[in-house]
Amino acid sequence: MPDILLVDDDQDLAATLADVLRDLGHVVRIACDGWAGLAALDERFPDLVLLDIEMPELDGPGMANQMFVRDCGRERIPILLVSGFLDLRAVAKRIGTPYSAPKPCELDWLLRIVDRALAEKVAPEPQADRPIAGAP
């Protein structure tokens, strides 16, 4: 049963997506911002992090940066950016993840990307010459 950590400040969207993923057999935990997401990582590592970009406290790129800085295996967790951020591809490139989906998007398409990320398990490879903390 794949374990997914969903990090998004939109509680309604997160709850709905979590319900769909659970119905498909995934274990899903929800965190409302990057700090809560990092705390959830301290509890156990998921197979995939679904990460929003724009959140209060610690945003998605900031959380991804902390995952790399804190090391100890967190840097090997695949990240799927799911965000309405205008330049989503640029942020995904800076974080180094091949997985991104704009909000809003069709649920079937998003679920295919989730399945792909879980199957491929490609860990992010951030660009060495540019910091990823904070949205651009």
Protein backbone atom coordinates (compact mmCIF):
# COMPACT_ATOMS: atom_id res chain seq x y z
CA MET A 1 0.00 0.00 0.00
CA PRO A 2 1.76 3.22 -1.12
CA ASP A 3 2.14 5.91 1.53
CA ILE A 4 1.52 9.48 0.33
CA LEU A 5 2.10 12.73 2.21
CA LEU A 6 -0.16 15.49 0.87
CA VAL A 7 1.07 18.97 1.82
CA ASP A 8 -1.42 21.70 0.93
CA ASP A 9 -2.99 24.63 2.76
CA ASP A 10 -6.31 24.20 0.92
CA GLN A 11 -7.94 21.89 3.45
CA ASP A 12 -11.01 21.13 1.33
CA LEU A 13 -8.98 20.19 -1.72
CA ALA A 14 -6.55 18.15 0.36
CA ALA A 15 -9.37 16.24 2.08
CA THR A 16 -11.10 15.49 -1.23
CA LEU A 17 -7.91 14.31 -2.92
CA ALA A 18 -6.96 12.26 0.14
CA ASP A 19 -10.35 10.52 0.06
CA VAL A 20 -9.89 9.63 -3.61
CA LEU A 21 -6.36 8.32 -3.02
CA ARG A 22 -7.50 6.29 0.00
CA ASP A 23 -10.30 4.77 -2.08
CA LEU A 24 -7.59 3.62 -4.49
CA GLY A 25 -5.74 1.88 -1.65
CA HIS A 26 -3.15 4.49 -0.69
CA VAL A 27 -2.28 5.49 2.85
CA VAL A 28 -2.57 9.29 2.92
CA ARG A 29 -1.49 11.81 5.54
CA ILE A 30 -2.24 15.53 5.20
CA ALA A 31 -0.11 18.47 6.34
CA CYS A 32 -1.25 22.09 6.03
CA ASP A 33 2.14 23.71 5.39
CA GLY A 34 5.81 22.92 4.93
CA TRP A 35 6.65 22.79 8.63
CA ALA A 36 3.81 20.35 9.29
CA GLY A 37 5.01 18.36 6.27
CA LEU A 38 8.53 18.14 7.69
CA ALA A 39 7.10 17.01 11.04
CA ALA A 40 5.16 14.29 9.21
CA LEU A 41 8.41 13.19 7.53
CA ASP A 42 9.98 12.88 10.96
CA GLU A 43 7.24 10.38 11.87
CA ARG A 44 7.81 8.22 8.78
CA PHE A 45 8.94 8.58 5.20
CA PRO A 46 6.22 8.33 2.56
CA ASP A 47 6.62 6.83 -0.89
CA LEU A 48 5.62 10.17 -2.43
CA VAL A 49 5.09 13.80 -1.37
CA LEU A 50 2.34 15.74 -3.13
CA LEU A 51 3.41 19.32 -2.52
CA ASP A 52 1.72 22.68 -3.07
CA ILE A 53 3.97 25.67 -3.77
CA GLU A 54 2.26 28.65 -2.15
CA MET A 55 1.51 28.03 1.52
CA PRO A 56 1.77 30.03 4.74
CA GLU A 57 4.66 29.56 7.14
CA LEU A 58 6.93 27.39 4.96
CA ASP A 59 6.09 27.11 1.27
CA GLY A 60 6.63 24.07 -0.96
CA PRO A 61 10.06 25.02 -2.33
CA GLY A 62 11.16 25.82 1.24
CA MET A 63 10.00 22.41 2.42
CA ALA A 64 11.79 20.71 -0.47
CA ASN A 65 14.96 22.64 0.42
CA GLN A 66 14.68 21.48 4.05
CA MET A 67 14.26 17.90 2.85
CA PHE A 68 17.62 18.17 1.08
CA VAL A 69 19.32 20.01 3.94
CA ARG A 70 18.10 17.58 6.60
CA ASP A 71 19.23 14.67 4.43
CA CYS A 72 18.98 11.26 6.16
CA GLY A 73 16.93 9.81 3.32
CA ARG A 74 14.44 12.65 2.91
CA GLU A 75 16.23 13.79 -0.24
CA ARG A 76 15.35 10.49 -1.95
CA ILE A 77 11.57 10.89 -1.59
CA PRO A 78 9.89 11.70 -4.92
CA ILE A 79 8.02 15.02 -4.98
CA LEU A 80 4.98 15.76 -7.13
CA LEU A 81 4.25 19.49 -7.24
CA VAL A 82 0.50 20.15 -7.42
CA SER A 83 -0.10 23.89 -7.55
CA GLY A 84 -1.86 26.76 -9.24
CA PHE A 85 1.43 28.69 -9.26
CA LEU A 86 1.83 30.41 -12.61
CA ASP A 87 5.36 29.20 -13.41
CA LEU A 88 5.00 25.66 -12.03
CA ARG A 89 7.46 24.13 -14.50
CA ALA A 90 10.22 26.56 -13.52
CA VAL A 91 9.77 25.72 -9.82
CA ALA A 92 9.71 21.99 -10.62
CA LYS A 93 12.93 22.41 -12.58
CA ARG A 94 14.62 24.29 -9.73
CA ILE A 95 13.55 21.64 -7.22
CA GLY A 96 14.64 19.00 -9.70
CA THR A 97 11.44 16.98 -9.84
CA PRO A 98 10.08 15.57 -13.08
CA TYR A 99 6.58 15.46 -11.58
CA SER A 100 4.18 18.41 -11.59
CA ALA A 101 0.48 19.02 -12.13
CA PRO A 102 -1.27 22.38 -12.36
CA LYS A 103 -4.32 23.22 -10.27
CA PRO A 104 -6.96 22.78 -11.39
CA CYS A 105 -6.47 19.65 -13.46
CA GLU A 106 -8.53 16.63 -14.33
CA LEU A 107 -8.51 14.04 -11.57
CA ASP A 108 -7.76 11.13 -13.91
CA TRP A 109 -4.71 12.93 -15.26
CA LEU A 110 -3.45 13.71 -11.75
CA LEU A 111 -3.93 10.10 -10.68
CA ARG A 112 -1.89 8.93 -13.68
CA ILE A 113 0.96 11.22 -12.61
CA VAL A 114 0.71 9.90 -9.03
CA ASP A 115 0.90 6.32 -10.36
CA ARG A 116 3.85 7.24 -12.58
CA ALA A 117 5.74 8.89 -9.72
CA LEU A 118 5.11 5.91 -7.44
CA ALA A 119 6.28 3.49 -10.14
CA GLU A 120 9.38 5.42 -11.23
CA LYS A 121 10.42 6.70 -7.77
CA VAL A 122 12.64 9.42 -9.25
CA ALA A 123 14.07 11.52 -6.44
CA PRO A 124 14.47 15.27 -7.01
CA GLU A 125 17.81 16.59 -8.19
CA PRO A 126 17.87 20.33 -7.42
CA GLN A 127 19.88 22.67 -9.57
CA ALA A 128 23.16 23.22 -7.78
CA ASP A 129 23.62 26.81 -8.96
CA ARG A 130 20.26 28.17 -7.74
CA PRO A 131 18.70 28.04 -4.28
CA ILE A 132 15.20 26.57 -4.13
CA ALA A 133 13.99 28.09 -0.87
CA GLY A 134 10.93 30.24 -1.39
CA ALA A 135 8.82 30.63 -4.47
CA PRO A 136 10.53 32.53 -7.32
